[in-house]
C-alpha atoms as a PDB file:
ATOM      1  CA  UNK A   1      -0.028  10.287 -24.518  1.00  0.00           C
ATOM      2  CA  UNK A   2      -1.743   7.302 -24.152  1.00  0.00           C
ATOM      3  CA  UNK A   3      -3.897   6.334 -21.036  1.00  0.00           C
ATOM      4  CA  UNK A   4      -3.551   2.978 -19.514  1.00  0.00           C
ATOM      5  CA  UNK A   5      -6.429   0.504 -20.460  1.00  0.00           C
ATOM      6  CA  UNK A   6      -7.233  -0.137 -16.723  1.00  0.00           C
ATOM      7  CA  UNK A   7      -7.944   3.617 -15.908  1.00  0.00           C
ATOM      8  CA  UNK A   8     -10.006   3.446 -19.216  1.00  0.00           C
ATOM      9  CA  UNK A   9     -12.252   0.797 -18.443  1.00  0.00           C
ATOM     10  CA  UNK A  10     -12.504   2.023 -15.082  1.00  0.00           C
ATOM     11  CA  UNK A  11     -13.917   5.665 -15.935  1.00  0.00           C
ATOM     12  CA  UNK A  12     -16.209   3.846 -19.237  1.00  0.00           C
ATOM     13  CA  UNK A  13     -17.385   1.567 -16.268  1.00  0.00           C
ATOM     14  CA  UNK A  14     -18.045   4.502 -13.460  1.00  0.00           C
ATOM     15  CA  UNK A  15     -19.993   6.358 -16.261  1.00  0.00           C
ATOM     16  CA  UNK A  16     -22.378   3.468 -17.535  1.00  0.00           C
ATOM     17  CA  UNK A  17     -23.399   3.680 -13.802  1.00  0.00           C
ATOM     18  CA  UNK A  18     -23.583   7.225 -12.888  1.00  0.00           C
ATOM     19  CA  UNK A  19     -25.168   8.603 -16.138  1.00  0.00           C
ATOM     20  CA  UNK A  20     -28.073   6.033 -15.511  1.00  0.00           C
ATOM     21  CA  UNK A  21     -28.143   7.287 -12.065  1.00  0.00           C
ATOM     22  CA  UNK A  22     -28.351  10.917 -12.939  1.00  0.00           C
ATOM     23  CA  UNK A  23     -30.744  10.913 -15.451  1.00  0.00           C
ATOM     24  CA  UNK A  24     -33.253   9.048 -13.014  1.00  0.00           C
ATOM     25  CA  UNK A  25     -32.681  11.185 -10.338  1.00  0.00           C
ATOM     26  CA  UNK A  26     -33.295  13.876 -12.563  1.00  0.00           C
ATOM     27  CA  UNK A  27     -36.005  13.263 -14.643  1.00  0.00           C
ATOM     28  CA  UNK A  28     -37.851  11.039 -12.657  1.00  0.00           C
ATOM     29  CA  UNK A  29     -38.982  12.464  -9.107  1.00  0.00           C
ATOM     30  CA  UNK A  30     -40.224   8.771  -7.609  1.00  0.00           C
ATOM     31  CA  UNK A  31     -35.961   7.869  -7.340  1.00  0.00           C
ATOM     32  CA  UNK A  32     -35.441  10.825  -5.584  1.00  0.00           C
ATOM     33  CA  UNK A  33     -37.388   9.265  -2.961  1.00  0.00           C
ATOM     34  CA  UNK A  34     -36.397   5.998  -3.478  1.00  0.00           C
ATOM     35  CA  UNK A  35     -32.768   6.562  -4.491  1.00  0.00           C
ATOM     36  CA  UNK A  36     -31.714   2.775  -3.276  1.00  0.00           C
ATOM     37  CA  UNK A  37     -33.810   1.537  -6.527  1.00  0.00           C
ATOM     38  CA  UNK A  38     -32.749   3.941  -8.666  1.00  0.00           C
ATOM     39  CA  UNK A  39     -29.457   2.912  -7.816  1.00  0.00           C
ATOM     40  CA  UNK A  40     -30.168  -1.196  -8.287  1.00  0.00           C
ATOM     41  CA  UNK A  41     -31.442   0.022 -11.380  1.00  0.00           C
ATOM     42  CA  UNK A  42     -28.415   2.017 -12.506  1.00  0.00           C
ATOM     43  CA  UNK A  43     -26.128  -1.078 -11.383  1.00  0.00           C
ATOM     44  CA  UNK A  44     -28.107  -3.003 -13.943  1.00  0.00           C
ATOM     45  CA  UNK A  45     -28.265  -0.531 -16.915  1.00  0.00           C
ATOM     46  CA  UNK A  46     -24.298  -0.095 -15.848  1.00  0.00           C
ATOM     47  CA  UNK A  47     -23.546  -4.171 -16.207  1.00  0.00           C
ATOM     48  CA  UNK A  48     -25.800  -3.923 -19.670  1.00  0.00           C
ATOM     49  CA  UNK A  49     -24.084  -1.720 -21.203  1.00  0.00           C
ATOM     50  CA  UNK A  50     -20.500  -2.941 -20.112  1.00  0.00           C
ATOM     51  CA  UNK A  51     -21.628  -6.301 -21.194  1.00  0.00           C
ATOM     52  CA  UNK A  52     -22.589  -5.164 -24.597  1.00  0.00           C
ATOM     53  CA  UNK A  53     -20.515  -2.356 -25.459  1.00  0.00           C
ATOM     54  CA  UNK A  54     -17.292  -2.102 -23.635  1.00  0.00           C
ATOM     55  CA  UNK A  55     -15.840  -5.946 -24.311  1.00  0.00           C
ATOM     56  CA  UNK A  56     -12.840  -4.378 -26.231  1.00  0.00           C
ATOM     57  CA  UNK A  57     -11.820  -2.060 -23.014  1.00  0.00           C
ATOM     58  CA  UNK A  58     -11.931  -4.986 -20.551  1.00  0.00           C
ATOM     59  CA  UNK A  59     -10.065  -7.419 -23.598  1.00  0.00           C
ATOM     60  CA  UNK A  60      -6.914  -4.793 -23.681  1.00  0.00           C
ATOM     61  CA  UNK A  61      -7.392  -4.000 -19.777  1.00  0.00           C
ATOM     62  CA  UNK A  62      -7.096  -7.852 -18.866  1.00  0.00           C
ATOM     63  CA  UNK A  63      -4.604  -8.023 -21.752  1.00  0.00           C
ATOM     64  CA  UNK A  64      -1.972  -5.698 -20.210  1.00  0.00           C
ATOM     65  CA  UNK A  65      -2.474  -7.116 -16.548  1.00  0.00           C
ATOM     66  CA  UNK A  66      -1.833 -10.521 -17.883  1.00  0.00           C
ATOM     67  CA  UNK A  67       1.151  -9.193 -19.965  1.00  0.00           C
ATOM     68  CA  UNK A  68       2.476  -7.334 -16.601  1.00  0.00           C
ATOM     69  CA  UNK A  69       1.937 -10.503 -14.399  1.00  0.00           C
ATOM     70  CA  UNK A  70       3.936 -12.956 -16.638  1.00  0.00           C
ATOM     71  CA  UNK A  71       6.820 -10.493 -17.371  1.00  0.00           C
ATOM     72  CA  UNK A  72       7.160 -10.282 -13.236  1.00  0.00           C
ATOM     73  CA  UNK A  73       6.834 -13.616 -13.206  1.00  0.00           C
ATOM     74  CA  UNK A  74       9.545 -14.744 -15.938  1.00  0.00           C
ATOM     75  CA  UNK A  75      12.194 -12.220 -14.549  1.00  0.00           C
ATOM     76  CA  UNK A  76      12.050 -13.375 -10.960  1.00  0.00           C
ATOM     77  CA  UNK A  77      14.212 -16.118  -9.450  1.00  0.00           C
ATOM     78  CA  UNK A  78      12.116 -18.948  -7.958  1.00  0.00           C
ATOM     79  CA  UNK A  79      13.069 -19.951  -4.240  1.00  0.00           C
ATOM     80  CA  UNK A  80      14.301 -23.642  -6.524  1.00  0.00           C
ATOM     81  CA  UNK A  81      16.584 -21.619  -8.569  1.00  0.00           C
ATOM     82  CA  UNK A  82      18.246 -19.736  -5.636  1.00  0.00           C
ATOM     83  CA  UNK A  83      18.440 -23.015  -3.863  1.00  0.00           C
ATOM     84  CA  UNK A  84      20.181 -25.175  -6.609  1.00  0.00           C
ATOM     85  CA  UNK A  85      22.801 -21.806  -7.067  1.00  0.00           C
ATOM     86  CA  UNK A  86      23.651 -22.084  -3.572  1.00  0.00           C
ATOM     87  CA  UNK A  87      24.397 -25.712  -3.515  1.00  0.00           C
ATOM     88  CA  UNK A  88      26.126 -26.128  -6.785  1.00  0.00           C
ATOM     89  CA  UNK A  89      28.141 -22.778  -5.327  1.00  0.00           C
ATOM     90  CA  UNK A  90      28.997 -24.812  -1.964  1.00  0.00           C
END
């Protein structure tokens, strides 16, 4: 079973934030007191990790979203098509 790329990217992105946060809380006692600073540093580290290492999952997720949206817009009729059909059938 293949997981959806958006789910994979979301889980990896969360791990890129939560792992540095847990490491800072466990190994640096000052961050237990200043939890907001640990969260800020974890967000910066997570963003850096995602920019460096999660480029392929991001492009797969973006490609799937684009294909899904482009496919749904091609299959649905627009207002102009419905009006043209109604006008020619009357």
